[in-house]
Amino acid sequence: MIRIFRRKEHKGEGIASRQSVGKFRVEKVLKVAFREVLIGEVLEGIIYPGYKLKGPSVGVIRAIEREHRKVDFAVTGDRVAIMMEAPTKAKEDQILEVYQS
């Protein structure tokens, strides 16, 4: 009976594509409303919500903001805030790879 109410273990996200489509450098990591927010710069490629970031663990991008406004994508050179579905355990000054879902 107790097994019914226990939380299931989160197995994490997998990566569907083999080749990364971009890179993102983390400048700051914040926690906002139980979500992880990564602030940093897009080093190469284009990033869309729904793509996956791979660092110590893999997480799905929920939303992207630039200058406090939601945007549909981010390109090379943009300084953005990325809201994640699940924590990626990323650290400051770390470079994360971006994969399509």
PDB file of N, CA and C in Angstrom:
ATOM      1  N   MET A   1       0.820  -1.196   0.000  1.00  0.00           N
ATOM      2  CA  MET A   1       0.000   0.000   0.000  1.00  0.00           C
ATOM      3  C   MET A   1       0.868   1.267   0.000  1.00  0.00           C
ATOM      4  N   ILE A   2       1.938   1.240   0.743  1.00  0.00           N
ATOM      5  CA  ILE A   2       2.792   2.422   0.827  1.00  0.00           C
ATOM      6  C   ILE A   2       3.463   2.701  -0.514  1.00  0.00           C
ATOM      7  N   ARG A   3       3.731   1.665  -1.306  1.00  0.00           N
ATOM      8  CA  ARG A   3       4.372   1.855  -2.606  1.00  0.00           C
ATOM      9  C   ARG A   3       3.543   2.733  -3.537  1.00  0.00           C
ATOM     10  N   ILE A   4       2.249   2.759  -3.360  1.00  0.00           N
ATOM     11  CA  ILE A   4       1.369   3.546  -4.221  1.00  0.00           C
ATOM     12  C   ILE A   4       1.652   5.034  -4.077  1.00  0.00           C
ATOM     13  N   PHE A   5       1.933   5.483  -2.868  1.00  0.00           N
ATOM     14  CA  PHE A   5       2.084   6.907  -2.597  1.00  0.00           C
ATOM     15  C   PHE A   5       3.525   7.391  -2.669  1.00  0.00           C
ATOM     16  N   ARG A   6       4.470   6.485  -2.891  1.00  0.00           N
ATOM     17  CA  ARG A   6       5.864   6.903  -2.999  1.00  0.00           C
ATOM     18  C   ARG A   6       6.121   7.558  -4.338  1.00  0.00           C
ATOM     19  N   ARG A   7       7.040   8.488  -4.337  1.00  0.00           N
ATOM     20  CA  ARG A   7       7.425   9.140  -5.586  1.00  0.00           C
ATOM     21  C   ARG A   7       8.224   8.187  -6.444  1.00  0.00           C
ATOM     22  N   LYS A   8       7.973   8.251  -7.724  1.00  0.00           N
ATOM     23  CA  LYS A   8       8.762   7.443  -8.645  1.00  0.00           C
ATOM     24  C   LYS A   8      10.097   8.137  -8.873  1.00  0.00           C
ATOM     25  N   GLU A   9      11.111   7.335  -9.108  1.00  0.00           N
ATOM     26  CA  GLU A   9      12.420   7.920  -9.393  1.00  0.00           C
ATOM     27  C   GLU A   9      12.411   8.521 -10.786  1.00  0.00           C
ATOM     28  N   HIS A  10      12.998   9.708 -10.895  1.00  0.00           N
ATOM     29  CA  HIS A  10      13.082  10.386 -12.185  1.00  0.00           C
ATOM     30  C   HIS A  10      14.252   9.795 -12.954  1.00  0.00           C
ATOM     31  N   LYS A  11      13.970   9.184 -14.090  1.00  0.00           N
ATOM     32  CA  LYS A  11      15.016   8.532 -14.872  1.00  0.00           C
ATOM     33  C   LYS A  11      15.804   9.529 -15.704  1.00  0.00           C
ATOM     34  N   GLY A  12      15.309  10.746 -15.831  1.00  0.00           N
ATOM     35  CA  GLY A  12      16.021  11.757 -16.594  1.00  0.00           C
ATOM     36  C   GLY A  12      15.637  11.744 -18.060  1.00  0.00           C
ATOM     37  N   GLU A  13      16.161  12.705 -18.763  1.00  0.00           N
ATOM     38  CA  GLU A  13      15.880  12.853 -20.189  1.00  0.00           C
ATOM     39  C   GLU A  13      16.974  12.167 -20.996  1.00  0.00           C
ATOM     40  N   GLY A  14      16.615  11.757 -22.173  1.00  0.00           N
ATOM     41  CA  GLY A  14      17.587  11.191 -23.098  1.00  0.00           C
ATOM     42  C   GLY A  14      17.815  12.163 -24.239  1.00  0.00           C
ATOM     43  N   ILE A  15      18.835  11.924 -25.012  1.00  0.00           N
ATOM     44  CA  ILE A  15      19.128  12.788 -26.152  1.00  0.00           C
ATOM     45  C   ILE A  15      18.762  12.036 -27.421  1.00  0.00           C
ATOM     46  N   ALA A  16      17.937  12.663 -28.258  1.00  0.00           N
ATOM     47  CA  ALA A  16      17.463  12.010 -29.477  1.00  0.00           C
ATOM     48  C   ALA A  16      18.468  12.144 -30.613  1.00  0.00           C
ATOM     49  N   SER A  17      19.056  13.328 -30.776  1.00  0.00           N
ATOM     50  CA  SER A  17      19.992  13.539 -31.886  1.00  0.00           C
ATOM     51  C   SER A  17      21.422  13.255 -31.424  1.00  0.00           C
ATOM     52  N   ARG A  18      22.256  12.858 -32.348  1.00  0.00           N
ATOM     53  CA  ARG A  18      23.640  12.520 -32.018  1.00  0.00           C
ATOM     54  C   ARG A  18      24.569  13.722 -32.100  1.00  0.00           C
ATOM     55  N   GLN A  19      24.216  14.696 -32.913  1.00  0.00           N
ATOM     56  CA  GLN A  19      25.091  15.842 -33.139  1.00  0.00           C
ATOM     57  C   GLN A  19      24.502  17.076 -32.465  1.00  0.00           C
ATOM     58  N   SER A  20      25.336  17.802 -31.725  1.00  0.00           N
ATOM     59  CA  SER A  20      24.841  19.003 -31.054  1.00  0.00           C
ATOM     60  C   SER A  20      24.584  20.100 -32.086  1.00  0.00           C
ATOM     61  N   VAL A  21      23.578  20.933 -31.794  1.00  0.00           N
ATOM     62  CA  VAL A  21      23.219  22.018 -32.710  1.00  0.00           C
ATOM     63  C   VAL A  21      23.697  23.371 -32.197  1.00  0.00           C
ATOM     64  N   GLY A  22      24.310  23.401 -31.016  1.00  0.00           N
ATOM     65  CA  GLY A  22      24.793  24.656 -30.480  1.00  0.00           C
ATOM     66  C   GLY A  22      25.487  24.477 -29.148  1.00  0.00           C
ATOM     67  N   LYS A  23      25.993  25.613 -28.626  1.00  0.00           N
ATOM     68  CA  LYS A  23      26.650  25.623 -27.322  1.00  0.00           C
ATOM     69  C   LYS A  23      26.180  26.837 -26.539  1.00  0.00           C
ATOM     70  N   PHE A  24      26.098  26.673 -25.214  1.00  0.00           N
ATOM     71  CA  PHE A  24      25.620  27.727 -24.322  1.00  0.00           C
ATOM     72  C   PHE A  24      26.570  27.809 -23.136  1.00  0.00           C
ATOM     73  N   ARG A  25      27.070  29.029 -22.845  1.00  0.00           N
ATOM     74  CA  ARG A  25      27.942  29.235 -21.687  1.00  0.00           C
ATOM     75  C   ARG A  25      27.123  29.784 -20.527  1.00  0.00           C
ATOM     76  N   VAL A  26      27.176  29.121 -19.395  1.00  0.00           N
ATOM     77  CA  VAL A  26      26.415  29.511 -18.208  1.00  0.00           C
ATOM     78  C   VAL A  26      27.194  30.575 -17.443  1.00  0.00           C
ATOM     79  N   GLU A  27      26.545  31.724 -17.189  1.00  0.00           N
ATOM     80  CA  GLU A  27      27.168  32.778 -16.389  1.00  0.00           C
ATOM     81  C   GLU A  27      26.644  32.770 -14.959  1.00  0.00           C
ATOM     82  N   LYS A  28      25.372  32.401 -14.804  1.00  0.00           N
ATOM     83  CA  LYS A  28      24.766  32.389 -13.476  1.00  0.00           C
ATOM     84  C   LYS A  28      23.663  31.341 -13.437  1.00  0.00           C
ATOM     85  N   VAL A  29      23.498  30.685 -12.286  1.00  0.00           N
ATOM     86  CA  VAL A  29      22.443  29.684 -12.099  1.00  0.00           C
ATOM     87  C   VAL A  29      21.531  30.170 -10.979  1.00  0.00           C
ATOM     88  N   LEU A  30      20.228  30.255 -11.258  1.00  0.00           N
ATOM     89  CA  LEU A  30      19.242  30.715 -10.279  1.00  0.00           C
ATOM     90  C   LEU A  30      18.144  29.679 -10.111  1.00  0.00           C
ATOM     91  N   LYS A  31      17.439  29.754  -8.974  1.00  0.00           N
ATOM     92  CA  LYS A  31      16.243  28.939  -8.756  1.00  0.00           C
ATOM     93  C   LYS A  31      15.069  29.903  -8.645  1.00  0.00           C
ATOM     94  N   VAL A  32      14.095  29.755  -9.545  1.00  0.00           N
ATOM     95  CA  VAL A  32      12.916  30.612  -9.545  1.00  0.00           C
ATOM     96  C   VAL A  32      11.689  29.712  -9.593  1.00  0.00           C
ATOM     97  N   ALA A  33      10.839  29.805  -8.582  1.00  0.00           N
ATOM     98  CA  ALA A  33       9.594  29.031  -8.519  1.00  0.00           C
ATOM     99  C   ALA A  33       9.857  27.547  -8.771  1.00  0.00           C
ATOM    100  N   PHE A  34      10.785  26.973  -8.045  1.00  0.00           N
ATOM    101  CA  PHE A  34      11.126  25.549  -8.121  1.00  0.00           C
ATOM    102  C   PHE A  34      11.691  25.137  -9.479  1.00  0.00           C
ATOM    103  N   ARG A  35      12.078  26.079 -10.293  1.00  0.00           N
ATOM    104  CA  ARG A  35      12.675  25.785 -11.600  1.00  0.00           C
ATOM    105  C   ARG A  35      14.102  26.332 -11.617  1.00  0.00           C
ATOM    106  N   GLU A  36      14.935  25.693 -12.411  1.00  0.00           N
ATOM    107  CA  GLU A  36      16.302  26.169 -12.583  1.00  0.00           C
ATOM    108  C   GLU A  36      16.335  27.137 -13.762  1.00  0.00           C
ATOM    109  N   VAL A  37      16.986  28.283 -13.560  1.00  0.00           N
ATOM    110  CA  VAL A  37      17.137  29.281 -14.618  1.00  0.00           C
ATOM    111  C   VAL A  37      18.629  29.477 -14.857  1.00  0.00           C
ATOM    112  N   LEU A  38      19.031  29.313 -16.107  1.00  0.00           N
ATOM    113  CA  LEU A  38      20.428  29.494 -16.489  1.00  0.00           C
ATOM    114  C   LEU A  38      20.558  30.793 -17.263  1.00  0.00           C
ATOM    115  N   ILE A  39      21.423  31.669 -16.794  1.00  0.00           N
ATOM    116  CA  ILE A  39      21.668  32.934 -17.481  1.00  0.00           C
ATOM    117  C   ILE A  39      23.036  32.823 -18.138  1.00  0.00           C
ATOM    118  N   GLY A  40      23.090  33.186 -19.416  1.00  0.00           N
ATOM    119  CA  GLY A  40      24.359  33.075 -20.109  1.00  0.00           C
ATOM    120  C   GLY A  40      24.270  33.503 -21.554  1.00  0.00           C
ATOM    121  N   GLU A  41      25.264  33.077 -22.328  1.00  0.00           N
ATOM    122  CA  GLU A  41      25.397  33.505 -23.717  1.00  0.00           C
ATOM    123  C   GLU A  41      25.398  32.295 -24.649  1.00  0.00           C
ATOM    124  N   VAL A  42      24.727  32.463 -25.777  1.00  0.00           N
ATOM    125  CA  VAL A  42      24.734  31.429 -26.812  1.00  0.00           C
ATOM    126  C   VAL A  42      26.048  31.569 -27.579  1.00  0.00           C
ATOM    127  N   LEU A  43      26.877  30.543 -27.533  1.00  0.00           N
ATOM    128  CA  LEU A  43      28.182  30.597 -28.190  1.00  0.00           C
ATOM    129  C   LEU A  43      28.100  30.244 -29.669  1.00  0.00           C
ATOM    130  N   GLU A  44      27.231  29.295 -30.005  1.00  0.00           N
ATOM    131  CA  GLU A  44      27.052  28.942 -31.416  1.00  0.00           C
ATOM    132  C   GLU A  44      25.705  28.261 -31.601  1.00  0.00           C
ATOM    133  N   GLY A  45      25.159  28.403 -32.802  1.00  0.00           N
ATOM    134  CA  GLY A  45      23.902  27.744 -33.140  1.00  0.00           C
ATOM    135  C   GLY A  45      22.670  28.551 -32.761  1.00  0.00           C
ATOM    136  N   ILE A  46      21.521  27.901 -32.892  1.00  0.00           N
ATOM    137  CA  ILE A  46      20.226  28.487 -32.542  1.00  0.00           C
ATOM    138  C   ILE A  46      19.583  27.595 -31.491  1.00  0.00           C
ATOM    139  N   ILE A  47      18.999  28.212 -30.453  1.00  0.00           N
ATOM    140  CA  ILE A  47      18.354  27.464 -29.373  1.00  0.00           C
ATOM    141  C   ILE A  47      16.863  27.783 -29.375  1.00  0.00           C
ATOM    142  N   TYR A  48      16.038  26.743 -29.329  1.00  0.00           N
ATOM    143  CA  TYR A  48      14.582  26.868 -29.257  1.00  0.00           C
ATOM    144  C   TYR A  48      14.079  26.209 -27.980  1.00  0.00           C
ATOM    145  N   PRO A  49      12.918  26.652 -27.445  1.00  0.00           N
ATOM    146  CA  PRO A  49      12.294  25.897 -26.354  1.00  0.00           C
ATOM    147  C   PRO A  49      11.963  24.488 -26.849  1.00  0.00           C
ATOM    148  N   GLY A  50      12.150  23.512 -25.987  1.00  0.00           N
ATOM    149  CA  GLY A  50      11.937  22.124 -26.373  1.00  0.00           C
ATOM    150  C   GLY A  50      13.242  21.407 -26.678  1.00  0.00           C
ATOM    151  N   TYR A  51      14.297  22.172 -26.994  1.00  0.00           N
ATOM    152  CA  TYR A  51      15.609  21.563 -27.199  1.00  0.00           C
ATOM    153  C   TYR A  51      16.142  21.098 -25.845  1.00  0.00           C
ATOM    154  N   LYS A  52      17.185  20.294 -25.866  1.00  0.00           N
ATOM    155  CA  LYS A  52      17.757  19.761 -24.633  1.00  0.00           C
ATOM    156  C   LYS A  52      19.159  20.303 -24.417  1.00  0.00           C
ATOM    157  N   LEU A  53      19.461  20.612 -23.151  1.00  0.00           N
ATOM    158  CA  LEU A  53      20.798  21.051 -22.757  1.00  0.00           C
ATOM    159  C   LEU A  53      21.477  19.899 -22.042  1.00  0.00           C
ATOM    160  N   LYS A  54      22.702  19.607 -22.429  1.00  0.00           N
ATOM    161  CA  LYS A  54      23.445  18.524 -21.796  1.00  0.00           C
ATOM    162  C   LYS A  54      24.615  19.096 -21.025  1.00  0.00           C
ATOM    163  N   GLY A  55      24.573  18.886 -19.718  1.00  0.00           N
ATOM    164  CA  GLY A  55      25.666  19.251 -18.834  1.00  0.00           C
ATOM    165  C   GLY A  55      25.972  18.026 -18.006  1.00  0.00           C
ATOM    166  N   PRO A  56      26.073  18.177 -16.683  1.00  0.00           N
ATOM    167  CA  PRO A  56      26.212  16.989 -15.834  1.00  0.00           C
ATOM    168  C   PRO A  56      25.001  16.060 -15.970  1.00  0.00           C
ATOM    169  N   SER A  57      23.832  16.642 -16.248  1.00  0.00           N
ATOM    170  CA  SER A  57      22.643  15.855 -16.581  1.00  0.00           C
ATOM    171  C   SER A  57      21.928  16.568 -17.726  1.00  0.00           C
ATOM    172  N   VAL A  58      20.933  15.918 -18.294  1.00  0.00           N
ATOM    173  CA  VAL A  58      20.231  16.464 -19.458  1.00  0.00           C
ATOM    174  C   VAL A  58      18.897  17.042 -19.017  1.00  0.00           C
ATOM    175  N   GLY A  59      18.543  18.225 -19.534  1.00  0.00           N
ATOM    176  CA  GLY A  59      17.262  18.849 -19.222  1.00  0.00           C
ATOM    177  C   GLY A  59      16.657  19.506 -20.444  1.00  0.00           C
ATOM    178  N   VAL A  60      15.329  19.613 -20.433  1.00  0.00           N
ATOM    179  CA  VAL A  60      14.597  20.216 -21.544  1.00  0.00           C
ATOM    180  C   VAL A  60      14.408  21.705 -21.276  1.00  0.00           C
ATOM    181  N   ILE A  61      14.593  22.524 -22.308  1.00  0.00           N
ATOM    182  CA  ILE A  61      14.391  23.970 -22.195  1.00  0.00           C
ATOM    183  C   ILE A  61      12.897  24.258 -22.226  1.00  0.00           C
ATOM    184  N   ARG A  62      12.399  24.917 -21.185  1.00  0.00           N
ATOM    185  CA  ARG A  62      10.975  25.244 -21.101  1.00  0.00           C
ATOM    186  C   ARG A  62      10.675  26.574 -21.785  1.00  0.00           C
ATOM    187  N   ALA A  63      11.510  27.588 -21.546  1.00  0.00           N
ATOM    188  CA  ALA A  63      11.289  28.918 -22.126  1.00  0.00           C
ATOM    189  C   ALA A  63      12.615  29.659 -22.210  1.00  0.00           C
ATOM    190  N   ILE A  64      12.643  30.662 -23.091  1.00  0.00           N
ATOM    191  CA  ILE A  64      13.828  31.509 -23.265  1.00  0.00           C
ATOM    192  C   ILE A  64      13.390  32.959 -23.117  1.00  0.00           C
ATOM    193  N   GLU A  65      14.135  33.743 -22.321  1.00  0.00           N
ATOM    194  CA  GLU A  65      13.833  35.165 -22.141  1.00  0.00           C
ATOM    195  C   GLU A  65      15.060  35.996 -22.469  1.00  0.00           C
ATOM    196  N   ARG A  66      14.799  37.139 -23.125  1.00  0.00           N
ATOM    197  CA  ARG A  66      15.847  38.113 -23.411  1.00  0.00           C
ATOM    198  C   ARG A  66      15.301  39.466 -22.991  1.00  0.00           C
ATOM    199  N   GLU A  67      16.010  40.161 -22.110  1.00  0.00           N
ATOM    200  CA  GLU A  67      15.599  41.468 -21.588  1.00  0.00           C
ATOM    201  C   GLU A  67      14.189  41.405 -20.994  1.00  0.00           C
ATOM    202  N   HIS A  68      13.920  40.387 -20.189  1.00  0.00           N
ATOM    203  CA  HIS A  68      12.652  40.181 -19.464  1.00  0.00           C
ATOM    204  C   HIS A  68      11.454  39.955 -20.379  1.00  0.00           C
ATOM    205  N   ARG A  69      11.690  39.512 -21.591  1.00  0.00           N
ATOM    206  CA  ARG A  69      10.604  39.183 -22.529  1.00  0.00           C
ATOM    207  C   ARG A  69      10.840  37.795 -23.086  1.00  0.00           C
ATOM    208  N   LYS A  70       9.770  37.015 -23.170  1.00  0.00           N
ATOM    209  CA  LYS A  70       9.886  35.684 -23.759  1.00  0.00           C
ATOM    210  C   LYS A  70      10.150  35.805 -25.249  1.00  0.00           C
ATOM    211  N   VAL A  71      11.063  34.976 -25.736  1.00  0.00           N
ATOM    212  CA  VAL A  71      11.383  34.951 -27.162  1.00  0.00           C
ATOM    213  C   VAL A  71      11.236  33.518 -27.671  1.00  0.00           C
ATOM    214  N   ASP A  72      11.074  33.386 -28.981  1.00  0.00           N
ATOM    215  CA  ASP A  72      10.871  32.074 -29.588  1.00  0.00           C
ATOM    216  C   ASP A  72      12.176  31.320 -29.818  1.00  0.00           C
ATOM    217  N   PHE A  73      13.291  32.050 -29.896  1.00  0.00           N
ATOM    218  CA  PHE A  73      14.583  31.404 -30.123  1.00  0.00           C
ATOM    219  C   PHE A  73      15.699  32.348 -29.713  1.00  0.00           C
ATOM    220  N   ALA A  74      16.916  31.812 -29.624  1.00  0.00           N
ATOM    221  CA  ALA A  74      18.110  32.611 -29.334  1.00  0.00           C
ATOM    222  C   ALA A  74      19.203  32.188 -30.313  1.00  0.00           C
ATOM    223  N   VAL A  75      19.957  33.163 -30.815  1.00  0.00           N
ATOM    224  CA  VAL A  75      21.009  32.889 -31.797  1.00  0.00           C
ATOM    225  C   VAL A  75      22.381  33.215 -31.207  1.00  0.00           C
ATOM    226  N   THR A  76      23.413  32.903 -31.948  1.00  0.00           N
ATOM    227  CA  THR A  76      24.788  33.135 -31.516  1.00  0.00           C
ATOM    228  C   THR A  76      24.983  34.588 -31.082  1.00  0.00           C
ATOM    229  N   GLY A  77      25.563  34.775 -29.895  1.00  0.00           N
ATOM    230  CA  GLY A  77      25.832  36.109 -29.372  1.00  0.00           C
ATOM    231  C   GLY A  77      24.759  36.646 -28.447  1.00  0.00           C
ATOM    232  N   ASP A  78      23.583  36.031 -28.417  1.00  0.00           N
ATOM    233  CA  ASP A  78      22.505  36.500 -27.538  1.00  0.00           C
ATOM    234  C   ASP A  78      22.818  36.152 -26.090  1.00  0.00           C
ATOM    235  N   ARG A  79      22.518  37.089 -25.193  1.00  0.00           N
ATOM    236  CA  ARG A  79      22.614  36.854 -23.752  1.00  0.00           C
ATOM    237  C   ARG A  79      21.194  36.651 -23.260  1.00  0.00           C
ATOM    238  N   VAL A  80      20.890  35.446 -22.787  1.00  0.00           N
ATOM    239  CA  VAL A  80      19.511  35.076 -22.470  1.00  0.00           C
ATOM    240  C   VAL A  80      19.423  34.357 -21.133  1.00  0.00           C
ATOM    241  N   ALA A  81      18.172  34.228 -20.656  1.00  0.00           N
ATOM    242  CA  ALA A  81      17.850  33.398 -19.498  1.00  0.00           C
ATOM    243  C   ALA A  81      17.061  32.205 -20.020  1.00  0.00           C
ATOM    244  N   ILE A  82      17.493  31.023 -19.650  1.00  0.00           N
ATOM    245  CA  ILE A  82      16.838  29.792 -20.098  1.00  0.00           C
ATOM    246  C   ILE A  82      16.211  29.113 -18.894  1.00  0.00           C
ATOM    247  N   MET A  83      14.881  28.906 -18.951  1.00  0.00           N
ATOM    248  CA  MET A  83      14.173  28.197 -17.896  1.00  0.00           C
ATOM    249  C   MET A  83      14.100  26.719 -18.244  1.00  0.00           C
ATOM    250  N   MET A  84      14.488  25.879 -17.305  1.00  0.00           N
ATOM    251  CA  MET A  84      14.578  24.441 -17.543  1.00  0.00           C
ATOM    252  C   MET A  84      13.393  23.704 -16.919  1.00  0.00           C
ATOM    253  N   GLU A  85      13.023  22.568 -17.519  1.00  0.00           N
ATOM    254  CA  GLU A  85      11.978  21.693 -16.967  1.00  0.00           C
ATOM    255  C   GLU A  85      12.484  21.023 -15.695  1.00  0.00           C
ATOM    256  N   ALA A  86      13.686  20.467 -15.761  1.00  0.00           N
ATOM    257  CA  ALA A  86      14.285  19.754 -14.633  1.00  0.00           C
ATOM    258  C   ALA A  86      15.694  20.307 -14.420  1.00  0.00           C
ATOM    259  N   PRO A  87      16.209  20.209 -13.204  1.00  0.00           N
ATOM    260  CA  PRO A  87      17.555  20.732 -12.946  1.00  0.00           C
ATOM    261  C   PRO A  87      18.628  20.012 -13.760  1.00  0.00           C
ATOM    262  N   THR A  88      19.603  20.766 -14.251  1.00  0.00           N
ATOM    263  CA  THR A  88      20.709  20.195 -15.030  1.00  0.00           C
ATOM    264  C   THR A  88      21.986  20.083 -14.208  1.00  0.00           C
ATOM    265  N   LYS A  89      21.974  20.629 -13.006  1.00  0.00           N
ATOM    266  CA  LYS A  89      23.146  20.627 -12.123  1.00  0.00           C
ATOM    267  C   LYS A  89      24.328  21.351 -12.758  1.00  0.00           C
ATOM    268  N   ALA A  90      24.043  22.342 -13.585  1.00  0.00           N
ATOM    269  CA  ALA A  90      25.095  23.111 -14.255  1.00  0.00           C
ATOM    270  C   ALA A  90      25.742  24.077 -13.271  1.00  0.00           C
ATOM    271  N   LYS A  91      26.993  24.387 -13.520  1.00  0.00           N
ATOM    272  CA  LYS A  91      27.735  25.331 -12.685  1.00  0.00           C
ATOM    273  C   LYS A  91      28.129  26.540 -13.523  1.00  0.00           C
ATOM    274  N   GLU A  92      28.477  27.618 -12.839  1.00  0.00           N
ATOM    275  CA  GLU A  92      28.872  28.843 -13.530  1.00  0.00           C
ATOM    276  C   GLU A  92      30.131  28.604 -14.367  1.00  0.00           C
ATOM    277  N   ASP A  93      30.225  29.318 -15.485  1.00  0.00           N
ATOM    278  CA  ASP A  93      31.338  29.232 -16.441  1.00  0.00           C
ATOM    279  C   ASP A  93      31.463  27.859 -17.102  1.00  0.00           C
ATOM    280  N   GLN A  94      30.383  27.098 -17.086  1.00  0.00           N
ATOM    281  CA  GLN A  94      30.379  25.795 -17.748  1.00  0.00           C
ATOM    282  C   GLN A  94      29.771  25.947 -19.139  1.00  0.00           C
ATOM    283  N   ILE A  95      30.279  25.204 -20.108  1.00  0.00           N
ATOM    284  CA  ILE A  95      29.738  25.246 -21.465  1.00  0.00           C
ATOM    285  C   ILE A  95      28.886  23.997 -21.676  1.00  0.00           C
ATOM    286  N   LEU A  96      27.608  24.218 -22.009  1.00  0.00           N
ATOM    287  CA  LEU A  96      26.663  23.124 -22.209  1.00  0.00           C
ATOM    288  C   LEU A  96      26.392  22.942 -23.693  1.00  0.00           C
ATOM    289  N   GLU A  97      26.161  21.710 -24.096  1.00  0.00           N
ATOM    290  CA  GLU A  97      25.828  21.418 -25.486  1.00  0.00           C
ATOM    291  C   GLU A  97      24.314  21.396 -25.645  1.00  0.00           C
ATOM    292  N   VAL A  98      23.839  21.850 -26.811  1.00  0.00           N
ATOM    293  CA  VAL A  98      22.409  21.913 -27.113  1.00  0.00           C
ATOM    294  C   VAL A  98      22.088  20.859 -28.163  1.00  0.00           C
ATOM    295  N   TYR A  99      21.020  20.094 -27.923  1.00  0.00           N
ATOM    296  CA  TYR A  99      20.582  19.044 -28.849  1.00  0.00           C
ATOM    297  C   TYR A  99      19.118  19.245 -29.183  1.00  0.00           C
ATOM    298  N   GLN A 100      18.730  18.863 -30.406  1.00  0.00           N
ATOM    299  CA  GLN A 100      17.316  18.893 -30.778  1.00  0.00           C
ATOM    300  C   GLN A 100      16.604  17.766 -30.060  1.00  0.00           C
ATOM    301  N   SER A 101      15.286  17.951 -29.826  1.00  0.00           N
ATOM    302  CA  SER A 101      14.542  16.871 -29.190  1.00  0.00           C
ATOM    303  C   SER A 101      13.971  15.943 -30.213  1.00  0.00           C
TER     304      SER A 101
END
